[in-house]
Amino acid sequence: MKKVNMEFLFDKIKKEKPKQHEWFLFWFFRALYFLMLVDDT
């Protein structure tokens, strides 16, 4: 489920503008890292 969401978001990111792409990836991976820490069950 999480992998599907990641692929969907990543595909959505590719359609964004270059600057927005870099900015979004920066926060996306920070949030992803946080989710991995919290969802460590």
Protein backbone atom coordinates (compact mmCIF):
# COMPACT_ATOMS: atom_id res chain seq x y z
CA MET A 1 0.00 0.00 0.00
CA LYS A 2 2.75 2.40 0.96
CA LYS A 3 4.78 1.45 -2.13
CA VAL A 4 1.80 2.20 -4.37
CA ASN A 5 1.40 5.62 -2.78
CA MET A 6 5.11 6.30 -3.23
CA GLU A 7 4.99 5.36 -6.92
CA PHE A 8 1.87 7.48 -7.40
CA LEU A 9 3.48 10.48 -5.70
CA PHE A 10 6.75 10.01 -7.58
CA ASP A 11 4.91 9.87 -10.91
CA LYS A 12 3.06 13.02 -9.87
CA ILE A 13 6.34 14.72 -8.97
CA LYS A 14 7.78 14.10 -12.43
CA LYS A 15 5.01 16.23 -13.93
CA GLU A 16 5.84 19.22 -11.72
CA LYS A 17 8.22 22.04 -12.62
CA PRO A 18 11.97 21.42 -12.00
CA LYS A 19 12.22 23.81 -9.03
CA GLN A 20 9.03 22.49 -7.46
CA HIS A 21 10.33 18.98 -8.12
CA GLU A 22 13.52 19.55 -6.12
CA TRP A 23 11.64 21.33 -3.32
CA PHE A 24 9.02 18.60 -3.10
CA LEU A 25 11.58 15.78 -3.11
CA PHE A 26 13.43 17.50 -0.24
CA TRP A 27 10.35 17.53 1.99
CA PHE A 28 8.99 14.25 0.62
CA PHE A 29 12.04 12.25 1.72
CA ARG A 30 12.13 14.01 5.09
CA ALA A 31 8.49 13.06 5.64
CA LEU A 32 9.16 9.55 4.31
CA TYR A 33 12.05 9.12 6.75
CA PHE A 34 9.82 10.31 9.59
CA LEU A 35 7.06 7.89 8.58
CA MET A 36 9.54 5.00 8.53
CA LEU A 37 10.62 5.82 12.08
CA VAL A 38 7.04 6.08 13.33
CA ASP A 39 5.70 3.12 11.35
CA ASP A 40 8.44 0.77 12.54
CA THR A 41 6.29 -2.12 13.73
